[in-house]
C-alpha atoms as a PDB file:
ATOM      1  CA  UNK A   1      92.927  80.792  99.090  1.00  0.00           C
ATOM      2  CA  UNK A   2      91.083  83.052 101.527  1.00  0.00           C
ATOM      3  CA  UNK A   3      87.444  84.070 101.141  1.00  0.00           C
ATOM      4  CA  UNK A   4      88.515  87.611 100.239  1.00  0.00           C
ATOM      5  CA  UNK A   5      90.754  86.263  97.451  1.00  0.00           C
ATOM      6  CA  UNK A   6      87.834  84.194  96.157  1.00  0.00           C
ATOM      7  CA  UNK A   7      85.604  87.262  96.308  1.00  0.00           C
ATOM      8  CA  UNK A   8      88.091  89.378  94.369  1.00  0.00           C
ATOM      9  CA  UNK A   9      88.514  86.610  91.796  1.00  0.00           C
ATOM     10  CA  UNK A  10      84.715  86.515  91.393  1.00  0.00           C
ATOM     11  CA  UNK A  11      84.453  90.307  91.018  1.00  0.00           C
ATOM     12  CA  UNK A  12      87.227  90.247  88.404  1.00  0.00           C
ATOM     13  CA  UNK A  13      84.741  88.409  86.173  1.00  0.00           C
ATOM     14  CA  UNK A  14      82.395  91.415  86.294  1.00  0.00           C
ATOM     15  CA  UNK A  15      82.561  93.997  83.516  1.00  0.00           C
ATOM     16  CA  UNK A  16      82.068  97.743  83.629  1.00  0.00           C
ATOM     17  CA  UNK A  17      78.617  98.810  82.471  1.00  0.00           C
ATOM     18  CA  UNK A  18      80.168 101.853  80.775  1.00  0.00           C
ATOM     19  CA  UNK A  19      82.899 100.367  78.591  1.00  0.00           C
ATOM     20  CA  UNK A  20      82.745  96.594  79.125  1.00  0.00           C
ATOM     21  CA  UNK A  21      86.268  96.237  80.541  1.00  0.00           C
ATOM     22  CA  UNK A  22      86.838  93.708  83.306  1.00  0.00           C
ATOM     23  CA  UNK A  23      87.571  94.951  86.819  1.00  0.00           C
ATOM     24  CA  UNK A  24      90.897  94.120  88.476  1.00  0.00           C
ATOM     25  CA  UNK A  25      91.661  93.412  92.143  1.00  0.00           C
ATOM     26  CA  UNK A  26      93.019  96.935  92.653  1.00  0.00           C
ATOM     27  CA  UNK A  27      89.742  98.416  91.377  1.00  0.00           C
ATOM     28  CA  UNK A  28      87.735  96.920  94.250  1.00  0.00           C
ATOM     29  CA  UNK A  29      87.383  98.428  97.736  1.00  0.00           C
ATOM     30  CA  UNK A  30      85.073  97.405 100.581  1.00  0.00           C
ATOM     31  CA  UNK A  31      82.774 100.221 101.671  1.00  0.00           C
ATOM     32  CA  UNK A  32      80.442  98.578 104.188  1.00  0.00           C
ATOM     33  CA  UNK A  33      80.820  95.243 105.921  1.00  0.00           C
ATOM     34  CA  UNK A  34      77.984  93.604 107.791  1.00  0.00           C
ATOM     35  CA  UNK A  35      77.635  90.033 109.091  1.00  0.00           C
ATOM     36  CA  UNK A  36      75.707  88.835 106.023  1.00  0.00           C
ATOM     37  CA  UNK A  37      76.444  91.570 103.476  1.00  0.00           C
ATOM     38  CA  UNK A  38      79.404  93.308 101.877  1.00  0.00           C
ATOM     39  CA  UNK A  39      79.156  96.474  99.810  1.00  0.00           C
ATOM     40  CA  UNK A  40      82.127  97.196  97.554  1.00  0.00           C
ATOM     41  CA  UNK A  41      83.064 100.111  95.319  1.00  0.00           C
ATOM     42  CA  UNK A  42      84.284  99.291  91.832  1.00  0.00           C
ATOM     43  CA  UNK A  43      86.246 101.795  89.719  1.00  0.00           C
ATOM     44  CA  UNK A  44      86.888 101.006  86.076  1.00  0.00           C
ATOM     45  CA  UNK A  45      90.479 101.470  84.889  1.00  0.00           C
ATOM     46  CA  UNK A  46      89.288 101.898  81.321  1.00  0.00           C
ATOM     47  CA  UNK A  47      86.752 104.713  81.598  1.00  0.00           C
ATOM     48  CA  UNK A  48      86.930 105.715  85.282  1.00  0.00           C
ATOM     49  CA  UNK A  49      83.262 104.971  85.925  1.00  0.00           C
ATOM     50  CA  UNK A  50      82.379 104.142  89.530  1.00  0.00           C
ATOM     51  CA  UNK A  51      79.987 101.383  90.474  1.00  0.00           C
ATOM     52  CA  UNK A  52      78.962  99.391  93.502  1.00  0.00           C
ATOM     53  CA  UNK A  53      78.329  95.735  94.139  1.00  0.00           C
ATOM     54  CA  UNK A  54      76.164  94.503  96.989  1.00  0.00           C
ATOM     55  CA  UNK A  55      77.068  90.966  97.976  1.00  0.00           C
ATOM     56  CA  UNK A  56      74.396  89.359 100.114  1.00  0.00           C
ATOM     57  CA  UNK A  57      75.499  86.139 101.787  1.00  0.00           C
ATOM     58  CA  UNK A  58      71.975  85.194 102.797  1.00  0.00           C
ATOM     59  CA  UNK A  59      70.166  85.223 106.071  1.00  0.00           C
ATOM     60  CA  UNK A  60      71.367  81.843 107.297  1.00  0.00           C
ATOM     61  CA  UNK A  61      72.264  83.268 110.657  1.00  0.00           C
ATOM     62  CA  UNK A  62      72.137  80.647 113.365  1.00  0.00           C
ATOM     63  CA  UNK A  63      69.896  81.774 116.177  1.00  0.00           C
ATOM     64  CA  UNK A  64      71.519  81.038 119.502  1.00  0.00           C
ATOM     65  CA  UNK A  65      69.873  81.030 122.882  1.00  0.00           C
ATOM     66  CA  UNK A  66      70.855  83.997 125.033  1.00  0.00           C
ATOM     67  CA  UNK A  67      73.626  83.411 127.565  1.00  0.00           C
ATOM     68  CA  UNK A  68      72.154  83.050 131.031  1.00  0.00           C
ATOM     69  CA  UNK A  69      73.592  83.732 134.465  1.00  0.00           C
ATOM     70  CA  UNK A  70      73.766  79.967 134.997  1.00  0.00           C
ATOM     71  CA  UNK A  71      75.839  79.621 131.808  1.00  0.00           C
ATOM     72  CA  UNK A  72      78.332  82.160 133.121  1.00  0.00           C
ATOM     73  CA  UNK A  73      78.523  80.461 136.523  1.00  0.00           C
ATOM     74  CA  UNK A  74      78.973  77.033 134.906  1.00  0.00           C
ATOM     75  CA  UNK A  75      81.791  78.401 132.755  1.00  0.00           C
ATOM     76  CA  UNK A  76      83.429  79.969 135.797  1.00  0.00           C
ATOM     77  CA  UNK A  77      83.294  76.630 137.625  1.00  0.00           C
ATOM     78  CA  UNK A  78      84.713  74.803 134.597  1.00  0.00           C
ATOM     79  CA  UNK A  79      87.645  77.196 134.333  1.00  0.00           C
ATOM     80  CA  UNK A  80      88.269  77.098 138.086  1.00  0.00           C
ATOM     81  CA  UNK A  81      88.530  73.278 138.020  1.00  0.00           C
ATOM     82  CA  UNK A  82      90.655  73.079 134.875  1.00  0.00           C
ATOM     83  CA  UNK A  83      94.210  71.840 135.293  1.00  0.00           C
ATOM     84  CA  UNK A  84      95.419  73.695 132.204  1.00  0.00           C
ATOM     85  CA  UNK A  85      95.215  77.257 130.864  1.00  0.00           C
ATOM     86  CA  UNK A  86      92.097  78.314 128.884  1.00  0.00           C
ATOM     87  CA  UNK A  87      94.136  78.412 125.659  1.00  0.00           C
ATOM     88  CA  UNK A  88      94.552  74.639 125.983  1.00  0.00           C
ATOM     89  CA  UNK A  89      90.816  74.192 126.552  1.00  0.00           C
ATOM     90  CA  UNK A  90      89.871  76.277 123.495  1.00  0.00           C
ATOM     91  CA  UNK A  91      92.730  75.889 120.977  1.00  0.00           C
ATOM     92  CA  UNK A  92      90.690  77.026 117.961  1.00  0.00           C
ATOM     93  CA  UNK A  93      90.220  80.454 119.549  1.00  0.00           C
ATOM     94  CA  UNK A  94      93.965  81.124 119.660  1.00  0.00           C
ATOM     95  CA  UNK A  95      95.823  82.865 116.854  1.00  0.00           C
END
């Protein structure tokens, strides 16, 4: 099950504040996506009331050091010496 399926399943447990009916997968649409936040629009099938849900995934963003010129040159040298294509070096980045 994908993360979006899990998210929809979670939002289907939420009820409309107007009539109390549960939302369904087709009632949910993403409005804004950000790295750590998703804002979705909810429309109730029972009464037609619109609502929003703001899903904050936390600020656990991993801070990475900036890429330097030396990093780029080292990568260039690595790829130049490789005896196989880059897709074999980095298989998780393919497809």
